[in-house]
Amino acid sequence: MAKSATTAKKRQTKKGTKSSATKKTVKVDPADESAVSQKSQEAQGNTDTRDASPSGDTQSKPATGTTGTNGGAENAAAIQRRRVINDLFQRGLAAHQAGQIDDAIRLYSAALRQNPQQPDVWNNLGVALRRSKKFEAALLAYRRAGELRPDNAGLWSNMGNCLREMMRFDEAIVAHKKAIELDDSIKSHTFNAGLVYRDLNRFEQALEYFDRALAIDPDYVDANWDKALAHLALGNYTDGWAGYETRRKLADNPIRPLDTAPEWDGKSDLRGKRILLRAEQGFGDMIQFARFVPLVAKKAGHVILECRKELMPIMRTVAGVGTLIEKGRPLPEFDVHVPLLSLPHVMGIGAAELQKISADPYLSPPAGKQVRLAPTPGTVLKVGLIWAGKLNPRDRSCPLDMLLPILSAKGAAFYSFQIDDRRGDIEKIGLQAFVTDLGDHIHDFGDSAALMQAMDLVITIDSSPAHLAGALGVPVWMLQLFTTDWRWMVDRADSPWYPTMRIYRQQDPNDWTAPVKKLTGDFLTLLQARQRNEAAN
């Protein structure tokens, strides 16, 4: 664990003054720092949210004694008021520790209405508001804390993290540099600054900050993890795959301990041996890394592939899979094991090897799956659509109504592959006549694969269907957020992972205008070419 920042200057307090609350720490999410100035606090490690560790230190001042006949009564009233404020704060802190964020916000706010001169409570309020994704209000709280205690380095780091999530990157850089200026000995300060450059897709600069954080603590898990992803985004596969093993230390999606057999190191002889390839992470990751299974099968006597239930119909079609086992079920006998996502590292996969492995499709629809589509007469292009996905760590969705310019094109039939609540967007916008909803026909990835194979093109956001289309060899056009994911790299419209993929990237944060405009132009060109070919035949 990392100790949080202490400020460069300590608060000056009057002799005899005491805080009205005991000093405590809430461990919420990492990398943001507490607002405590005189005692450092612990920050947790995490890979995605990197929120704050709020402080338990209020700064309500003691009442000043008064003279005169009513002095005792006034002093008693001041003491009672401090007790009320302290009680509100302590209850807010307890709620925050328990994950009851709405209650924490309410109680912190009540304490601040009683006495707004409490920078640490303002900081805690900012932490809670940011946790609730109320970023504008969180920023106001952080700024109020900064006005009261501008020399607190951790507070500036908190503010920078909030601004980063708001994608106000220039302001975030200023805030983080202020934190580093005040105290450059705290590893999270330089790490948090690196995250801004990461989100700007400026990975070379991000690496500089991650390395500075690692110079303070070489075992800093978050910095090692994001350093690995930066290397992968830049195509530095040797360093990237080695660092990718840091995921074993992450709090999210940990790899389960398995001590019943040795782990394969990529070097030991597999002839005649049964190897278990272990499942981990999400659907898209499993589909993406399944391409390496046939390489293992050429070396091993028998390959056992573990995967989640929804993936089993398509994973059965991967060449070289001898036994398929659902994740969570009792495992069959095996001699060695390795996590599926460790294969590129242990097998030394570089750019040339990846290009060769990825040249051909490696998944297919399950045998026996039949698809009957009834496009309208004159249809020359059948198009699958996925416009919404997971909200965390970022909402990758593109509003369906932004695709209206292509949905109105004659000669194309559109089919929705959405299986969540966003299926309702079709009816909400009134597009039932333009988009066929396939959601009722999709129960697993086998169904999706069979339907997708019948498409001429899939237009999707960054999601598991994007991986599925690419693995099937179906042409796929992907709408990508401004802040890229490592696997899609930077400044390129193609992908080394999927030869049939074309990437349309946001040019500005939260703005789909440019990529949708480019996609629309390319789509109309493709449609017209298909129509000319159809007319010629």
Protein backbone atom coordinates (compact mmCIF):
# COMPACT_ATOMS: atom_id res chain seq x y z
CA MET A 1 0.00 0.00 0.00
CA ALA A 2 1.12 3.53 -0.69
CA LYS A 3 1.09 6.34 1.78
CA SER A 4 -0.77 9.37 0.58
CA ALA A 5 0.65 12.82 0.21
CA THR A 6 1.50 15.16 3.00
CA THR A 7 1.57 18.82 2.18
CA ALA A 8 4.72 20.80 1.82
CA LYS A 9 3.56 23.17 4.53
CA LYS A 10 1.85 22.23 7.75
CA ARG A 11 -1.18 24.06 8.99
CA GLN A 12 -0.61 26.70 11.60
CA THR A 13 -2.96 26.18 14.52
CA LYS A 14 -3.49 28.11 17.68
CA LYS A 15 -2.03 26.71 20.83
CA GLY A 16 -4.48 24.36 22.45
CA THR A 17 -6.61 23.94 19.34
CA LYS A 18 -7.78 20.38 18.67
CA SER A 19 -9.65 18.80 15.81
CA SER A 20 -13.23 18.04 16.65
CA ALA A 21 -13.01 14.61 14.95
CA THR A 22 -10.63 11.71 15.31
CA LYS A 23 -8.40 11.06 12.31
CA LYS A 24 -9.58 8.15 10.21
CA THR A 25 -9.16 6.88 6.68
CA VAL A 26 -11.78 5.65 4.26
CA LYS A 27 -10.32 3.29 1.67
CA VAL A 28 -12.58 3.83 -1.29
CA ASP A 29 -10.67 3.68 -4.56
CA PRO A 30 -7.03 4.44 -5.18
CA ALA A 31 -4.68 7.07 -6.37
CA ASP A 32 -6.54 10.14 -5.21
CA GLU A 33 -5.18 11.34 -1.92
CA SER A 34 -6.72 12.48 1.33
CA ALA A 35 -6.82 16.07 2.38
CA VAL A 36 -5.11 15.45 5.71
CA SER A 37 -2.11 17.72 6.02
CA GLN A 38 -0.37 16.54 9.16
CA LYS A 39 -0.65 12.76 8.89
CA SER A 40 -0.28 10.68 5.75
CA GLN A 41 -2.89 8.10 4.86
CA GLU A 42 -3.03 4.80 3.04
CA ALA A 43 -4.24 4.53 -0.58
CA GLN A 44 -5.51 1.32 -2.12
CA GLY A 45 -4.44 -0.09 -5.46
CA ASN A 46 -6.93 -0.52 -8.27
CA THR A 47 -6.86 -0.35 -12.05
CA ASP A 48 -9.93 1.45 -13.25
CA THR A 49 -11.58 4.08 -11.08
CA ARG A 50 -8.68 5.44 -9.06
CA ASP A 51 -10.83 7.49 -6.74
CA ALA A 52 -9.84 9.06 -3.50
CA SER A 53 -9.08 7.97 0.00
CA PRO A 54 -11.07 10.53 1.98
CA SER A 55 -9.79 11.82 5.23
CA GLY A 56 -11.37 11.63 8.63
CA ASP A 57 -9.93 14.91 9.76
CA THR A 58 -12.24 17.87 10.21
CA GLN A 59 -11.01 21.33 10.96
CA SER A 60 -13.83 22.86 12.92
CA LYS A 61 -12.35 25.43 15.23
CA PRO A 62 -12.91 25.45 18.96
CA ALA A 63 -15.19 28.08 20.32
CA THR A 64 -13.60 31.20 21.63
CA GLY A 65 -14.43 31.91 25.25
CA THR A 66 -16.54 34.95 26.03
CA THR A 67 -16.82 37.12 29.08
CA GLY A 68 -19.80 38.55 30.84
CA THR A 69 -22.84 37.15 32.53
CA ASN A 70 -23.81 34.95 29.56
CA GLY A 71 -20.27 33.70 28.86
CA GLY A 72 -20.85 30.24 30.28
CA ALA A 73 -24.05 29.73 28.33
CA GLU A 74 -22.45 30.93 25.07
CA ASN A 75 -19.46 28.65 25.58
CA ALA A 76 -21.75 25.69 26.25
CA ALA A 77 -23.70 26.48 23.08
CA ALA A 78 -20.47 26.56 21.04
CA ILE A 79 -19.37 23.23 22.48
CA GLN A 80 -22.73 21.71 21.66
CA ARG A 81 -22.51 23.05 18.11
CA ARG A 82 -19.09 21.46 17.65
CA ARG A 83 -20.48 18.18 18.92
CA VAL A 84 -23.31 18.33 16.39
CA ILE A 85 -20.85 19.04 13.57
CA ASN A 86 -18.56 16.25 14.71
CA ASP A 87 -21.48 13.82 14.92
CA LEU A 88 -22.56 14.66 11.37
CA PHE A 89 -19.05 14.19 10.12
CA GLN A 90 -18.49 10.89 11.91
CA ARG A 91 -21.77 9.51 10.64
CA GLY A 92 -20.85 10.65 7.13
CA LEU A 93 -17.46 9.00 7.44
CA ALA A 94 -19.02 5.76 8.65
CA ALA A 95 -21.48 5.81 5.75
CA HIS A 96 -18.62 6.44 3.33
CA GLN A 97 -16.64 3.54 4.77
CA ALA A 98 -19.68 1.31 4.39
CA GLY A 99 -20.14 2.29 0.75
CA GLN A 100 -23.35 4.23 1.48
CA ILE A 101 -22.30 7.10 -0.72
CA ASP A 102 -25.61 8.96 -0.89
CA ASP A 103 -25.83 9.03 2.90
CA ALA A 104 -22.21 10.18 3.12
CA ILE A 105 -22.90 13.06 0.74
CA ARG A 106 -25.96 14.10 2.75
CA LEU A 107 -24.12 14.03 6.10
CA TYR A 108 -20.94 15.72 4.85
CA SER A 109 -23.11 18.44 3.34
CA ALA A 110 -24.98 18.94 6.61
CA ALA A 111 -21.68 19.27 8.49
CA LEU A 112 -20.45 21.84 5.99
CA ARG A 113 -23.62 23.88 6.24
CA GLN A 114 -22.96 24.12 9.99
CA ASN A 115 -19.32 25.08 9.46
CA PRO A 116 -17.99 25.55 5.90
CA GLN A 117 -14.43 26.18 7.12
CA GLN A 118 -13.51 22.47 6.98
CA PRO A 119 -11.19 21.68 4.03
CA ASP A 120 -10.96 17.98 4.80
CA VAL A 121 -14.71 17.55 4.85
CA TRP A 122 -14.93 19.40 1.54
CA ASN A 123 -12.36 16.94 0.20
CA ASN A 124 -14.33 13.96 1.51
CA LEU A 125 -17.45 15.38 -0.07
CA GLY A 126 -15.58 15.69 -3.38
CA VAL A 127 -14.48 12.07 -3.11
CA ALA A 128 -18.04 10.89 -2.50
CA LEU A 129 -19.48 13.05 -5.29
CA ARG A 130 -16.88 11.80 -7.74
CA ARG A 131 -17.69 8.24 -6.72
CA SER A 132 -21.30 9.03 -7.65
CA LYS A 133 -20.10 10.46 -10.99
CA LYS A 134 -21.37 13.91 -10.01
CA PHE A 135 -18.22 15.43 -11.36
CA GLU A 136 -19.22 19.09 -11.56
CA ALA A 137 -20.29 19.11 -7.92
CA ALA A 138 -17.17 17.16 -6.92
CA LEU A 139 -15.01 19.75 -8.63
CA LEU A 140 -16.74 22.54 -6.70
CA ALA A 141 -16.06 20.70 -3.45
CA TYR A 142 -12.41 20.16 -4.29
CA ARG A 143 -12.02 23.82 -5.21
CA ARG A 144 -13.57 24.91 -1.93
CA ALA A 145 -11.08 22.67 -0.12
CA GLY A 146 -8.28 24.20 -2.18
CA GLU A 147 -9.32 27.71 -1.23
CA LEU A 148 -9.10 26.79 2.45
CA ARG A 149 -5.84 24.81 2.17
CA PRO A 150 -4.08 25.53 -1.14
CA ASP A 151 -0.82 23.89 -0.08
CA ASN A 152 -2.28 20.38 0.17
CA ALA A 153 -0.71 18.32 -2.60
CA GLY A 154 -3.15 15.43 -2.31
CA LEU A 155 -6.10 17.74 -2.82
CA TRP A 156 -4.65 18.95 -6.14
CA SER A 157 -4.12 15.35 -7.21
CA ASN A 158 -7.76 14.63 -6.35
CA MET A 159 -8.87 17.60 -8.40
CA GLY A 160 -6.74 16.49 -11.33
CA ASN A 161 -8.32 13.03 -11.27
CA CYS A 162 -11.79 14.55 -11.30
CA LEU A 163 -10.89 16.81 -14.23
CA ARG A 164 -9.46 13.82 -16.09
CA GLU A 165 -12.70 11.91 -15.74
CA MET A 166 -14.50 14.99 -17.05
CA MET A 167 -12.07 14.86 -20.00
CA ARG A 168 -10.87 18.37 -19.23
CA PHE A 169 -7.36 17.19 -19.82
CA ASP A 170 -5.49 20.51 -19.99
CA GLU A 171 -6.86 21.55 -16.61
CA ALA A 172 -6.13 18.10 -15.21
CA ILE A 173 -2.47 18.39 -16.21
CA VAL A 174 -2.22 21.77 -14.47
CA ALA A 175 -3.72 20.34 -11.27
CA HIS A 176 -1.45 17.28 -11.26
CA LYS A 177 1.66 19.36 -11.92
CA LYS A 178 0.66 21.52 -8.95
CA ALA A 179 0.44 18.39 -6.79
CA ILE A 180 3.89 17.27 -7.94
CA GLU A 181 5.30 20.74 -7.34
CA LEU A 182 4.04 20.66 -3.78
CA ASP A 183 5.20 17.10 -3.09
CA ASP A 184 6.93 14.92 -5.66
CA SER A 185 7.72 12.17 -3.15
CA ILE A 186 4.26 10.60 -3.38
CA LYS A 187 4.12 7.94 -6.09
CA SER A 188 0.44 8.41 -6.85
CA HIS A 189 0.98 12.06 -7.77
CA THR A 190 3.21 11.23 -10.72
CA PHE A 191 1.15 8.15 -11.58
CA ASN A 192 -2.07 10.17 -11.69
CA ALA A 193 -0.42 12.70 -14.00
CA GLY A 194 0.55 9.81 -16.27
CA LEU A 195 -3.07 8.72 -16.47
CA VAL A 196 -3.98 12.02 -18.13
CA TYR A 197 -1.43 11.43 -20.88
CA ARG A 198 -2.68 7.86 -21.16
CA ASP A 199 -6.23 9.10 -21.71
CA LEU A 200 -4.88 11.56 -24.29
CA ASN A 201 -3.34 8.57 -26.12
CA ARG A 202 0.09 10.14 -25.55
CA PHE A 203 1.60 6.92 -24.33
CA GLU A 204 5.26 7.91 -24.57
CA GLN A 205 4.67 10.75 -22.11
CA ALA A 206 2.50 8.52 -19.94
CA LEU A 207 5.39 6.06 -19.69
CA GLU A 208 7.68 8.80 -18.40
CA TYR A 209 5.35 9.48 -15.48
CA PHE A 210 4.75 5.80 -14.78
CA ASP A 211 8.50 5.24 -14.65
CA ARG A 212 8.86 8.16 -12.22
CA ALA A 213 6.24 6.58 -9.97
CA LEU A 214 8.01 3.23 -10.21
CA ALA A 215 11.30 4.87 -9.26
CA ILE A 216 9.63 5.66 -5.93
CA ASP A 217 8.09 2.19 -5.59
CA PRO A 218 9.14 -0.48 -8.12
CA ASP A 219 6.33 -2.74 -6.87
CA TYR A 220 3.57 -0.16 -7.51
CA VAL A 221 0.96 -2.44 -9.09
CA ASP A 222 -1.16 0.25 -10.76
CA ALA A 223 1.85 1.88 -12.41
CA ASN A 224 3.25 -1.45 -13.60
CA TRP A 225 -0.14 -2.38 -15.05
CA ASP A 226 -0.70 0.85 -16.94
CA LYS A 227 2.91 0.83 -18.10
CA ALA A 228 2.29 -2.60 -19.65
CA LEU A 229 -0.86 -1.40 -21.42
CA ALA A 230 0.99 1.64 -22.73
CA HIS A 231 3.69 -0.60 -24.21
CA LEU A 232 1.05 -2.79 -25.85
CA ALA A 233 -0.73 0.25 -27.28
CA LEU A 234 2.59 1.29 -28.83
CA GLY A 235 3.24 -2.21 -30.20
CA ASN A 236 6.12 -2.89 -27.80
CA TYR A 237 5.04 -6.48 -27.33
CA THR A 238 8.04 -7.89 -25.45
CA ASP A 239 7.76 -5.35 -22.64
CA GLY A 240 3.99 -5.21 -22.92
CA TRP A 241 3.32 -8.94 -22.56
CA ALA A 242 5.79 -9.25 -19.69
CA GLY A 243 4.10 -6.39 -17.86
CA TYR A 244 0.66 -7.76 -18.70
CA GLU A 245 1.35 -10.47 -16.13
CA THR A 246 0.83 -7.74 -13.51
CA ARG A 247 -2.90 -8.41 -13.90
CA ARG A 248 -2.38 -11.34 -11.52
CA LYS A 249 -1.95 -8.79 -8.72
CA LEU A 250 -4.99 -6.68 -9.56
CA ALA A 251 -7.98 -6.56 -7.26
CA ASP A 252 -10.39 -6.97 -10.20
CA ASN A 253 -10.63 -10.28 -12.07
CA PRO A 254 -7.85 -12.03 -10.16
CA ILE A 255 -6.57 -15.33 -11.52
CA ARG A 256 -7.62 -18.11 -9.17
CA PRO A 257 -4.82 -19.95 -7.37
CA LEU A 258 -4.24 -23.41 -8.80
CA ASP A 259 -1.55 -25.40 -7.04
CA THR A 260 -2.47 -28.94 -8.12
CA ALA A 261 -0.12 -28.85 -11.13
CA PRO A 262 2.74 -26.66 -12.38
CA GLU A 263 2.12 -23.65 -14.60
CA TRP A 264 3.48 -23.92 -18.12
CA ASP A 265 6.32 -21.51 -18.83
CA GLY A 266 6.21 -21.83 -22.60
CA LYS A 267 9.48 -23.78 -22.64
CA SER A 268 8.82 -27.16 -21.06
CA ASP A 269 7.94 -30.04 -23.38
CA LEU A 270 4.17 -30.59 -23.76
CA ARG A 271 4.32 -33.77 -25.81
CA GLY A 272 1.89 -36.29 -24.40
CA LYS A 273 0.70 -33.87 -21.72
CA ARG A 274 -2.72 -32.48 -20.94
CA ILE A 275 -2.67 -28.69 -20.63
CA LEU A 276 -5.43 -26.59 -19.11
CA LEU A 277 -5.92 -23.14 -20.62
CA ARG A 278 -7.66 -21.15 -17.91
CA ALA A 279 -10.46 -18.64 -18.41
CA GLU A 280 -10.17 -15.05 -17.21
CA GLN A 281 -11.48 -11.53 -17.85
CA GLY A 282 -14.35 -10.72 -20.21
CA PHE A 283 -16.00 -12.22 -23.27
CA GLY A 284 -14.06 -10.06 -25.71
CA ASP A 285 -10.72 -10.93 -24.12
CA MET A 286 -11.44 -14.65 -24.34
CA ILE A 287 -12.45 -14.39 -28.00
CA GLN A 288 -9.40 -12.27 -28.80
CA PHE A 289 -6.90 -14.63 -27.17
CA ALA A 290 -8.51 -17.85 -28.41
CA ARG A 291 -6.42 -17.44 -31.58
CA PHE A 292 -3.42 -18.78 -29.66
CA VAL A 293 -5.06 -22.11 -28.76
CA PRO A 294 -4.07 -23.87 -32.02
CA LEU A 295 -0.40 -23.00 -31.37
CA VAL A 296 -0.57 -24.78 -28.02
CA ALA A 297 -2.42 -27.73 -29.56
CA LYS A 298 0.51 -28.33 -31.92
CA LYS A 299 2.78 -28.77 -28.91
CA ALA A 300 0.51 -30.59 -26.43
CA GLY A 301 -0.99 -34.04 -26.23
CA HIS A 302 -4.42 -32.67 -25.27
CA VAL A 303 -5.81 -29.15 -24.78
CA ILE A 304 -8.46 -28.44 -22.16
CA LEU A 305 -10.03 -24.99 -22.60
CA GLU A 306 -11.99 -23.40 -19.79
CA CYS A 307 -14.53 -20.69 -20.64
CA ARG A 308 -17.79 -19.16 -19.51
CA LYS A 309 -21.03 -20.88 -20.47
CA GLU A 310 -22.08 -18.27 -23.02
CA LEU A 311 -18.88 -18.77 -25.00
CA MET A 312 -18.93 -22.57 -25.17
CA PRO A 313 -20.76 -22.90 -28.52
CA ILE A 314 -18.11 -20.90 -30.37
CA MET A 315 -15.08 -22.08 -28.40
CA ARG A 316 -15.90 -25.63 -29.54
CA THR A 317 -15.06 -24.49 -33.06
CA VAL A 318 -11.50 -23.39 -32.21
CA ALA A 319 -8.97 -25.73 -33.82
CA GLY A 320 -7.09 -27.91 -31.35
CA VAL A 321 -9.56 -27.82 -28.45
CA GLY A 322 -9.79 -31.36 -27.09
CA THR A 323 -11.98 -30.77 -24.03
CA LEU A 324 -14.15 -27.75 -23.26
CA ILE A 325 -15.06 -27.10 -19.64
CA GLU A 326 -17.42 -24.45 -18.26
CA LYS A 327 -15.77 -22.08 -15.82
CA GLY A 328 -16.72 -22.98 -12.27
CA ARG A 329 -17.25 -26.68 -13.01
CA PRO A 330 -14.94 -29.38 -11.59
CA LEU A 331 -11.79 -29.59 -13.66
CA PRO A 332 -10.69 -32.78 -15.40
CA GLU A 333 -7.21 -34.18 -14.85
CA PHE A 334 -4.37 -32.16 -16.36
CA ASP A 335 -0.57 -32.07 -16.19
CA VAL A 336 0.11 -28.35 -16.58
CA HIS A 337 -1.93 -25.18 -16.81
CA VAL A 338 -1.60 -21.57 -17.94
CA PRO A 339 -4.05 -18.64 -18.12
CA LEU A 340 -5.22 -18.12 -21.68
CA LEU A 341 -4.17 -14.46 -21.62
CA SER A 342 -0.61 -15.41 -20.64
CA LEU A 343 0.00 -17.32 -23.89
CA PRO A 344 1.45 -14.36 -25.85
CA HIS A 345 3.99 -13.81 -23.08
CA VAL A 346 5.10 -17.38 -22.53
CA MET A 347 5.16 -18.09 -26.28
CA GLY A 348 7.01 -14.89 -27.18
CA ILE A 349 4.43 -13.46 -29.56
CA GLY A 350 5.68 -10.35 -31.37
CA ALA A 351 4.28 -8.22 -34.18
CA ALA A 352 5.31 -10.62 -36.96
CA GLU A 353 3.91 -13.67 -35.17
CA LEU A 354 0.67 -11.84 -34.39
CA GLN A 355 0.18 -10.85 -38.01
CA LYS A 356 0.70 -14.43 -39.18
CA ILE A 357 -1.59 -15.93 -36.52
CA SER A 358 -4.33 -13.39 -37.22
CA ALA A 359 -4.38 -13.72 -41.00
CA ASP A 360 -7.30 -16.16 -41.09
CA PRO A 361 -10.57 -16.57 -39.15
CA TYR A 362 -10.31 -18.92 -36.18
CA LEU A 363 -13.95 -19.18 -35.05
CA SER A 364 -17.06 -20.37 -36.85
CA PRO A 365 -20.75 -20.73 -36.04
CA PRO A 366 -21.75 -23.97 -34.28
CA ALA A 367 -22.65 -26.82 -36.58
CA GLY A 368 -26.37 -27.08 -37.19
CA LYS A 369 -27.19 -23.45 -36.48
CA GLN A 370 -29.43 -22.26 -39.30
CA VAL A 371 -30.33 -18.65 -40.00
CA ARG A 372 -33.27 -17.46 -42.05
CA LEU A 373 -33.34 -13.77 -42.85
CA ALA A 374 -35.97 -12.11 -44.99
CA PRO A 375 -34.55 -8.79 -46.19
CA THR A 376 -36.77 -6.57 -48.25
CA PRO A 377 -36.56 -6.87 -52.04
CA GLY A 378 -33.73 -4.84 -53.49
CA THR A 379 -31.44 -5.39 -50.48
CA VAL A 380 -27.79 -5.66 -51.50
CA LEU A 381 -26.21 -5.19 -48.07
CA LYS A 382 -27.14 -6.88 -44.80
CA VAL A 383 -25.73 -4.95 -41.85
CA GLY A 384 -25.50 -5.94 -38.18
CA LEU A 385 -25.65 -3.14 -35.60
CA ILE A 386 -24.38 -2.83 -32.02
CA TRP A 387 -24.48 0.73 -30.69
CA ALA A 388 -24.43 0.32 -26.89
CA GLY A 389 -22.37 -1.60 -24.39
CA LYS A 390 -20.94 -1.55 -20.88
CA LEU A 391 -20.89 1.73 -18.99
CA ASN A 392 -17.71 0.98 -17.05
CA PRO A 393 -14.92 1.85 -17.05
CA ARG A 394 -16.25 4.12 -19.79
CA ASP A 395 -19.51 4.31 -21.67
CA ARG A 396 -18.57 3.23 -25.18
CA SER A 397 -22.07 3.69 -26.59
CA CYS A 398 -22.86 5.71 -29.67
CA PRO A 399 -26.43 7.09 -29.77
CA LEU A 400 -28.47 5.15 -32.31
CA ASP A 401 -29.95 8.32 -33.76
CA MET A 402 -26.48 9.38 -34.91
CA LEU A 403 -26.62 6.50 -37.38
CA LEU A 404 -29.81 7.80 -39.06
CA PRO A 405 -27.93 8.88 -42.22
CA ILE A 406 -27.03 5.27 -43.00
CA LEU A 407 -30.27 3.76 -41.67
CA SER A 408 -32.22 5.72 -44.26
CA ALA A 409 -30.16 4.39 -47.17
CA LYS A 410 -32.08 2.32 -49.71
CA GLY A 411 -30.69 -1.09 -50.54
CA ALA A 412 -29.44 -1.91 -47.04
CA ALA A 413 -31.16 -4.03 -44.38
CA PHE A 414 -30.17 -3.47 -40.76
CA TYR A 415 -30.27 -6.01 -37.95
CA SER A 416 -29.80 -5.20 -34.28
CA PHE A 417 -27.60 -7.51 -32.20
CA GLN A 418 -28.37 -5.66 -28.95
CA ILE A 419 -29.49 -8.02 -26.19
CA ASP A 420 -29.83 -5.54 -23.33
CA ASP A 421 -32.21 -2.75 -22.41
CA ARG A 422 -30.88 -0.64 -25.26
CA ARG A 423 -32.95 -2.74 -27.63
CA GLY A 424 -35.66 -0.30 -26.63
CA ASP A 425 -33.85 2.49 -28.50
CA ILE A 426 -35.31 1.14 -31.74
CA GLU A 427 -38.88 1.72 -30.64
CA LYS A 428 -38.03 4.86 -28.70
CA ILE A 429 -36.70 6.54 -31.83
CA GLY A 430 -39.33 4.94 -34.06
CA LEU A 431 -37.01 2.84 -36.21
CA GLN A 432 -38.94 -0.45 -36.23
CA ALA A 433 -39.37 -0.22 -40.01
CA PHE A 434 -35.64 0.37 -40.52
CA VAL A 435 -34.00 -2.00 -38.01
CA THR A 436 -34.89 -5.64 -37.35
CA ASP A 437 -34.42 -6.57 -33.69
CA LEU A 438 -32.68 -9.96 -33.38
CA GLY A 439 -32.50 -9.84 -29.58
CA ASP A 440 -35.08 -12.58 -29.03
CA HIS A 441 -33.03 -14.95 -31.21
CA ILE A 442 -29.73 -14.48 -29.37
CA HIS A 443 -29.15 -16.61 -26.27
CA ASP A 444 -25.40 -17.17 -26.46
CA PHE A 445 -22.43 -16.41 -28.69
CA GLY A 446 -23.28 -19.37 -30.89
CA ASP A 447 -26.52 -17.67 -31.90
CA SER A 448 -24.69 -14.40 -32.47
CA ALA A 449 -22.05 -16.11 -34.58
CA ALA A 450 -24.61 -17.80 -36.83
CA LEU A 451 -26.50 -14.56 -37.37
CA MET A 452 -23.32 -12.54 -37.81
CA GLN A 453 -22.00 -14.93 -40.44
CA ALA A 454 -25.05 -14.03 -42.52
CA MET A 455 -24.14 -10.32 -42.48
CA ASP A 456 -22.22 -8.52 -45.17
CA LEU A 457 -21.00 -5.98 -42.63
CA VAL A 458 -21.13 -5.41 -38.88
CA ILE A 459 -21.08 -1.86 -37.50
CA THR A 460 -20.35 -1.85 -33.81
CA ILE A 461 -18.87 -0.02 -30.87
CA ASP A 462 -15.89 -1.47 -28.99
CA SER A 463 -17.52 -4.59 -27.56
CA SER A 464 -17.38 -8.39 -27.56
CA PRO A 465 -19.40 -8.52 -30.83
CA ALA A 466 -16.57 -6.56 -32.45
CA HIS A 467 -14.19 -9.35 -31.46
CA LEU A 468 -16.64 -12.00 -32.59
CA ALA A 469 -17.08 -10.46 -36.03
CA GLY A 470 -13.32 -10.14 -36.45
CA ALA A 471 -12.69 -13.71 -35.32
CA LEU A 472 -15.31 -14.95 -37.80
CA GLY A 473 -13.69 -12.98 -40.61
CA VAL A 474 -16.81 -10.84 -41.14
CA PRO A 475 -16.12 -7.24 -42.22
CA VAL A 476 -16.51 -5.10 -39.11
CA TRP A 477 -16.44 -1.32 -38.75
CA MET A 478 -15.86 -0.24 -35.18
CA LEU A 479 -16.65 3.13 -33.63
CA GLN A 480 -13.92 3.88 -31.09
CA LEU A 481 -13.82 6.36 -28.21
CA PHE A 482 -11.26 9.16 -28.14
CA THR A 483 -9.38 7.40 -25.33
CA THR A 484 -8.30 4.21 -27.00
CA ASP A 485 -8.05 0.74 -25.55
CA TRP A 486 -4.56 -0.76 -25.74
CA ARG A 487 -5.53 -3.46 -28.25
CA TRP A 488 -6.69 -0.93 -30.85
CA MET A 489 -3.44 1.05 -30.59
CA VAL A 490 -3.31 4.67 -31.81
CA ASP A 491 -3.51 6.64 -35.04
CA ARG A 492 -4.48 3.74 -37.27
CA ALA A 493 -7.70 2.67 -38.95
CA ASP A 494 -6.81 -1.03 -39.14
CA SER A 495 -6.08 -3.64 -36.47
CA PRO A 496 -3.26 -6.18 -36.24
CA TRP A 497 -5.73 -8.47 -34.46
CA TYR A 498 -8.48 -8.57 -37.08
CA PRO A 499 -7.71 -8.07 -40.81
CA THR A 500 -11.38 -7.41 -41.61
CA MET A 501 -11.69 -4.58 -39.08
CA ARG A 502 -11.82 -0.87 -39.84
CA ILE A 503 -11.66 1.60 -36.93
CA TYR A 504 -13.43 4.98 -36.84
CA ARG A 505 -12.03 7.03 -33.97
CA GLN A 506 -13.37 10.04 -32.12
CA GLN A 507 -11.20 13.06 -32.82
CA ASP A 508 -12.42 14.85 -29.69
CA PRO A 509 -13.66 13.42 -26.39
CA ASN A 510 -17.36 12.52 -26.30
CA ASP A 511 -17.87 13.63 -29.90
CA TRP A 512 -19.04 11.04 -32.42
CA THR A 513 -19.50 13.59 -35.21
CA ALA A 514 -16.24 13.01 -37.10
CA PRO A 515 -16.13 9.19 -36.98
CA VAL A 516 -19.81 8.82 -37.86
CA LYS A 517 -19.40 11.25 -40.77
CA LYS A 518 -16.44 9.25 -42.10
CA LEU A 519 -18.25 5.95 -41.59
CA THR A 520 -21.34 7.27 -43.34
CA GLY A 521 -19.33 8.32 -46.39
CA ASP A 522 -17.58 4.95 -46.58
CA PHE A 523 -20.87 3.13 -46.11
CA LEU A 524 -22.61 4.97 -48.93
CA THR A 525 -19.64 4.28 -51.20
CA LEU A 526 -19.80 0.56 -50.37
CA LEU A 527 -23.56 0.46 -50.86
CA GLN A 528 -23.35 2.14 -54.25
CA ALA A 529 -20.65 -0.29 -55.36
CA ARG A 530 -22.82 -3.23 -54.33
CA GLN A 531 -25.77 -1.77 -56.19
CA ARG A 532 -23.69 -1.32 -59.36
CA ASN A 533 -22.46 -4.88 -59.13
CA GLU A 534 -26.01 -6.14 -58.61
CA ALA A 535 -27.23 -4.16 -61.63
CA ALA A 536 -24.38 -5.48 -63.77
CA ASN A 537 -25.30 -9.06 -62.92
